[in-house]
Amino acid sequence: MIPVNPALRGAIVDGERSYDRLVDIPKDASVGFVDVFRRGEYLDAVVDDTIAAGIKAMWFQLDLGNIAAAERAEAAGMRVVWDRCTAIELRRLDRT
């Protein structure tokens, strides 16, 4: 996990350096997907940043409220998980 949060300004979180934006993550870092925990009004900018960073998948958490941003990410060729919680899905998958 690579933390991205401009309020952290390079702080170390769980042993990982945080970045202001997705495009600031070094190109040699492997980013499987972006797990978004931002309110819906910020998702357009997150989609723009994800596209610019060349990341191929996004996960929009529960009730983020910007369907247009998710559709735009899909139209850009990204795989998108919409309106689901990673913790809930991991627990569900672990039961099988």
N, C-alpha and C. Protein backbone atom coordinates (compact mmCIF):
# COMPACT_ATOMS: atom_id res chain seq x y z
N MET A 1 0.84 -1.17 0.00
CA MET A 1 0.00 0.00 0.00
C MET A 1 0.89 1.24 0.00
N ILE A 2 0.59 2.15 -0.89
CA ILE A 2 1.30 3.42 -0.96
C ILE A 2 0.30 4.52 -0.63
N PRO A 3 0.50 5.22 0.49
CA PRO A 3 -0.45 6.28 0.86
C PRO A 3 -0.32 7.51 -0.03
N VAL A 4 -1.45 8.06 -0.41
CA VAL A 4 -1.49 9.30 -1.20
C VAL A 4 -2.44 10.25 -0.49
N ASN A 5 -1.86 11.32 0.04
CA ASN A 5 -2.64 12.29 0.79
C ASN A 5 -1.81 13.57 0.92
N PRO A 6 -2.23 14.66 0.26
CA PRO A 6 -1.42 15.88 0.33
C PRO A 6 -1.25 16.43 1.74
N ALA A 7 -2.14 16.09 2.65
CA ALA A 7 -2.01 16.58 4.02
C ALA A 7 -0.84 15.92 4.74
N LEU A 8 -0.38 14.77 4.25
CA LEU A 8 0.71 14.06 4.92
C LEU A 8 2.09 14.53 4.46
N ARG A 9 2.19 15.15 3.29
CA ARG A 9 3.42 15.77 2.79
C ARG A 9 4.68 14.94 3.03
N GLY A 10 4.74 13.74 2.48
CA GLY A 10 5.95 12.92 2.55
C GLY A 10 6.15 12.16 3.84
N ALA A 11 5.18 12.18 4.73
CA ALA A 11 5.31 11.43 5.98
C ALA A 11 5.43 9.93 5.70
N ILE A 12 5.98 9.21 6.63
CA ILE A 12 6.07 7.76 6.54
C ILE A 12 4.86 7.17 7.25
N VAL A 13 4.08 6.36 6.52
CA VAL A 13 2.88 5.73 7.05
C VAL A 13 3.04 4.23 6.89
N ASP A 14 3.03 3.51 8.00
CA ASP A 14 3.23 2.05 7.97
C ASP A 14 4.45 1.67 7.13
N GLY A 15 5.52 2.43 7.28
CA GLY A 15 6.77 2.13 6.60
C GLY A 15 6.86 2.60 5.15
N GLU A 16 5.81 3.24 4.64
CA GLU A 16 5.79 3.70 3.25
C GLU A 16 5.73 5.22 3.20
N ARG A 17 6.50 5.82 2.29
CA ARG A 17 6.45 7.27 2.09
C ARG A 17 5.11 7.62 1.46
N SER A 18 4.50 8.68 1.93
CA SER A 18 3.24 9.15 1.34
C SER A 18 3.55 10.17 0.24
N TYR A 19 2.62 10.28 -0.70
CA TYR A 19 2.77 11.20 -1.83
C TYR A 19 1.57 12.13 -1.89
N ASP A 20 1.79 13.31 -2.46
CA ASP A 20 0.71 14.29 -2.60
C ASP A 20 -0.33 13.84 -3.62
N ARG A 21 0.15 13.28 -4.74
CA ARG A 21 -0.74 12.88 -5.83
C ARG A 21 -0.26 11.54 -6.40
N LEU A 22 -1.15 10.86 -7.08
CA LEU A 22 -0.80 9.58 -7.70
C LEU A 22 0.34 9.72 -8.70
N VAL A 23 0.35 10.83 -9.44
CA VAL A 23 1.41 11.02 -10.44
C VAL A 23 2.79 11.24 -9.81
N ASP A 24 2.83 11.48 -8.50
CA ASP A 24 4.10 11.66 -7.80
C ASP A 24 4.75 10.34 -7.40
N ILE A 25 4.00 9.25 -7.45
CA ILE A 25 4.56 7.94 -7.10
C ILE A 25 5.60 7.57 -8.16
N PRO A 26 6.77 7.12 -7.74
CA PRO A 26 7.81 6.77 -8.73
C PRO A 26 7.30 5.73 -9.73
N LYS A 27 7.70 5.89 -10.98
CA LYS A 27 7.23 5.02 -12.06
C LYS A 27 7.62 3.56 -11.86
N ASP A 28 8.71 3.31 -11.11
CA ASP A 28 9.12 1.92 -10.89
C ASP A 28 8.34 1.23 -9.77
N ALA A 29 7.47 1.96 -9.08
CA ALA A 29 6.62 1.36 -8.05
C ALA A 29 5.47 0.62 -8.73
N SER A 30 5.12 -0.51 -8.19
CA SER A 30 4.02 -1.29 -8.75
C SER A 30 2.71 -0.92 -8.04
N VAL A 31 1.79 -0.33 -8.80
CA VAL A 31 0.50 0.06 -8.24
C VAL A 31 -0.57 -0.78 -8.95
N GLY A 32 -1.18 -1.70 -8.21
CA GLY A 32 -2.19 -2.58 -8.79
C GLY A 32 -3.51 -1.87 -9.04
N PHE A 33 -3.94 -1.07 -8.06
CA PHE A 33 -5.16 -0.30 -8.21
C PHE A 33 -5.19 0.83 -7.19
N VAL A 34 -6.06 1.79 -7.45
CA VAL A 34 -6.26 2.92 -6.55
C VAL A 34 -7.52 2.65 -5.74
N ASP A 35 -7.40 2.62 -4.43
CA ASP A 35 -8.54 2.43 -3.54
C ASP A 35 -8.91 3.81 -3.00
N VAL A 36 -10.05 4.32 -3.45
CA VAL A 36 -10.41 5.72 -3.21
C VAL A 36 -11.28 5.89 -1.97
N PHE A 37 -10.84 6.75 -1.08
CA PHE A 37 -11.59 7.11 0.13
C PHE A 37 -11.79 8.63 0.15
N ARG A 38 -12.33 9.16 -0.92
CA ARG A 38 -12.61 10.59 -1.01
C ARG A 38 -14.09 10.79 -1.30
N ARG A 39 -14.63 11.93 -0.90
CA ARG A 39 -16.03 12.23 -1.21
C ARG A 39 -16.21 12.38 -2.71
N GLY A 40 -17.45 12.18 -3.15
CA GLY A 40 -17.78 12.17 -4.57
C GLY A 40 -17.33 13.38 -5.34
N GLU A 41 -17.38 14.55 -4.74
CA GLU A 41 -17.01 15.77 -5.48
C GLU A 41 -15.51 15.82 -5.83
N TYR A 42 -14.70 14.97 -5.20
CA TYR A 42 -13.27 14.94 -5.49
C TYR A 42 -12.89 13.84 -6.48
N LEU A 43 -13.84 12.99 -6.85
CA LEU A 43 -13.50 11.82 -7.65
C LEU A 43 -13.07 12.14 -9.08
N ASP A 44 -13.59 13.22 -9.65
CA ASP A 44 -13.16 13.58 -11.00
C ASP A 44 -11.65 13.84 -11.03
N ALA A 45 -11.15 14.55 -10.05
CA ALA A 45 -9.71 14.84 -9.98
C ALA A 45 -8.91 13.56 -9.74
N VAL A 46 -9.44 12.65 -8.94
CA VAL A 46 -8.76 11.38 -8.68
C VAL A 46 -8.70 10.55 -9.96
N VAL A 47 -9.79 10.53 -10.73
CA VAL A 47 -9.79 9.82 -12.01
C VAL A 47 -8.76 10.43 -12.95
N ASP A 48 -8.73 11.75 -13.03
CA ASP A 48 -7.73 12.43 -13.88
C ASP A 48 -6.32 12.03 -13.49
N ASP A 49 -6.04 12.03 -12.19
CA ASP A 49 -4.71 11.69 -11.69
C ASP A 49 -4.38 10.22 -11.96
N THR A 50 -5.37 9.36 -11.81
CA THR A 50 -5.16 7.92 -12.07
C THR A 50 -4.83 7.68 -13.53
N ILE A 51 -5.56 8.35 -14.42
CA ILE A 51 -5.28 8.24 -15.86
C ILE A 51 -3.87 8.75 -16.15
N ALA A 52 -3.52 9.91 -15.61
CA ALA A 52 -2.20 10.50 -15.85
C ALA A 52 -1.08 9.61 -15.31
N ALA A 53 -1.34 8.90 -14.22
CA ALA A 53 -0.32 8.02 -13.62
C ALA A 53 -0.23 6.68 -14.35
N GLY A 54 -1.17 6.40 -15.24
CA GLY A 54 -1.13 5.15 -15.99
C GLY A 54 -1.57 3.94 -15.21
N ILE A 55 -2.32 4.16 -14.14
CA ILE A 55 -2.82 3.06 -13.31
C ILE A 55 -4.08 2.51 -13.96
N LYS A 56 -4.22 1.20 -13.99
CA LYS A 56 -5.25 0.55 -14.81
C LYS A 56 -6.51 0.13 -14.06
N ALA A 57 -6.60 0.39 -12.75
CA ALA A 57 -7.79 -0.04 -12.02
C ALA A 57 -8.07 0.89 -10.85
N MET A 58 -9.37 1.05 -10.54
CA MET A 58 -9.79 1.88 -9.42
C MET A 58 -10.87 1.16 -8.62
N TRP A 59 -10.89 1.43 -7.34
CA TRP A 59 -11.91 0.88 -6.45
C TRP A 59 -12.56 2.05 -5.75
N PHE A 60 -13.84 2.29 -6.04
CA PHE A 60 -14.60 3.36 -5.39
C PHE A 60 -15.34 2.77 -4.20
N GLN A 61 -15.06 3.26 -3.02
CA GLN A 61 -15.68 2.74 -1.81
C GLN A 61 -17.19 3.03 -1.76
N LEU A 62 -17.85 2.48 -0.77
CA LEU A 62 -19.30 2.61 -0.60
C LEU A 62 -19.76 4.07 -0.59
N ASP A 63 -20.86 4.33 -1.28
CA ASP A 63 -21.59 5.60 -1.20
C ASP A 63 -20.77 6.85 -1.54
N LEU A 64 -19.84 6.75 -2.48
CA LEU A 64 -19.04 7.93 -2.82
C LEU A 64 -19.79 8.91 -3.71
N GLY A 65 -20.78 8.45 -4.44
CA GLY A 65 -21.71 9.34 -5.10
C GLY A 65 -21.26 10.10 -6.32
N ASN A 66 -20.44 9.51 -7.18
CA ASN A 66 -20.09 10.17 -8.43
C ASN A 66 -20.01 9.11 -9.53
N ILE A 67 -21.16 8.71 -10.01
CA ILE A 67 -21.24 7.68 -11.03
C ILE A 67 -20.53 8.13 -12.30
N ALA A 68 -20.64 9.41 -12.65
CA ALA A 68 -20.00 9.93 -13.86
C ALA A 68 -18.49 9.73 -13.81
N ALA A 69 -17.87 9.89 -12.63
CA ALA A 69 -16.42 9.69 -12.51
C ALA A 69 -16.07 8.22 -12.75
N ALA A 70 -16.86 7.31 -12.19
CA ALA A 70 -16.62 5.88 -12.40
C ALA A 70 -16.79 5.51 -13.87
N GLU A 71 -17.81 6.05 -14.50
CA GLU A 71 -18.04 5.77 -15.93
C GLU A 71 -16.91 6.34 -16.78
N ARG A 72 -16.39 7.50 -16.41
CA ARG A 72 -15.28 8.10 -17.16
C ARG A 72 -14.02 7.26 -17.01
N ALA A 73 -13.80 6.70 -15.82
CA ALA A 73 -12.66 5.82 -15.61
C ALA A 73 -12.79 4.57 -16.49
N GLU A 74 -14.00 4.00 -16.54
CA GLU A 74 -14.23 2.83 -17.39
C GLU A 74 -14.03 3.18 -18.86
N ALA A 75 -14.51 4.34 -19.28
CA ALA A 75 -14.36 4.77 -20.67
C ALA A 75 -12.88 4.96 -21.04
N ALA A 76 -12.05 5.26 -20.03
CA ALA A 76 -10.61 5.43 -20.26
C ALA A 76 -9.88 4.08 -20.28
N GLY A 77 -10.65 2.99 -20.13
CA GLY A 77 -10.06 1.66 -20.19
C GLY A 77 -9.68 1.06 -18.86
N MET A 78 -10.05 1.72 -17.78
CA MET A 78 -9.73 1.18 -16.46
C MET A 78 -10.76 0.15 -16.03
N ARG A 79 -10.30 -0.79 -15.21
CA ARG A 79 -11.22 -1.69 -14.52
C ARG A 79 -11.68 -0.92 -13.29
N VAL A 80 -12.98 -0.95 -13.03
CA VAL A 80 -13.53 -0.16 -11.93
C VAL A 80 -14.44 -1.04 -11.07
N VAL A 81 -14.20 -0.98 -9.77
CA VAL A 81 -15.13 -1.57 -8.80
C VAL A 81 -15.84 -0.38 -8.18
N TRP A 82 -17.16 -0.43 -8.18
CA TRP A 82 -17.97 0.71 -7.75
C TRP A 82 -18.83 0.35 -6.56
N ASP A 83 -18.87 1.22 -5.57
CA ASP A 83 -19.78 1.12 -4.44
C ASP A 83 -19.61 -0.17 -3.64
N ARG A 84 -18.37 -0.52 -3.38
CA ARG A 84 -18.07 -1.70 -2.57
C ARG A 84 -16.94 -1.37 -1.60
N CYS A 85 -16.97 -2.04 -0.48
CA CYS A 85 -15.96 -1.84 0.56
C CYS A 85 -14.93 -2.96 0.47
N THR A 86 -13.65 -2.60 0.40
CA THR A 86 -12.60 -3.62 0.31
C THR A 86 -12.61 -4.55 1.51
N ALA A 87 -12.80 -4.03 2.71
CA ALA A 87 -12.80 -4.87 3.91
C ALA A 87 -13.95 -5.87 3.88
N ILE A 88 -15.13 -5.42 3.49
CA ILE A 88 -16.29 -6.32 3.41
C ILE A 88 -16.05 -7.40 2.37
N GLU A 89 -15.53 -7.00 1.22
CA GLU A 89 -15.29 -7.98 0.14
C GLU A 89 -14.21 -8.99 0.52
N LEU A 90 -13.16 -8.55 1.20
CA LEU A 90 -12.13 -9.49 1.64
C LEU A 90 -12.68 -10.50 2.63
N ARG A 91 -13.52 -10.05 3.56
CA ARG A 91 -14.15 -10.98 4.51
C ARG A 91 -15.05 -11.96 3.77
N ARG A 92 -15.81 -11.47 2.80
CA ARG A 92 -16.72 -12.32 2.04
C ARG A 92 -15.93 -13.39 1.26
N LEU A 93 -14.86 -12.98 0.63
CA LEU A 93 -14.04 -13.92 -0.14
C LEU A 93 -13.34 -14.93 0.75
N ASP A 94 -12.98 -14.52 1.95
CA ASP A 94 -12.29 -15.41 2.88
C ASP A 94 -13.22 -16.54 3.38
N ARG A 95 -14.52 -16.33 3.34
CA ARG A 95 -15.48 -17.33 3.80
C ARG A 95 -15.67 -18.45 2.80
N THR A 96 -15.26 -18.22 1.56
CA THR A 96 -15.51 -19.24 0.54
C THR A 96 -14.44 -20.30 0.50
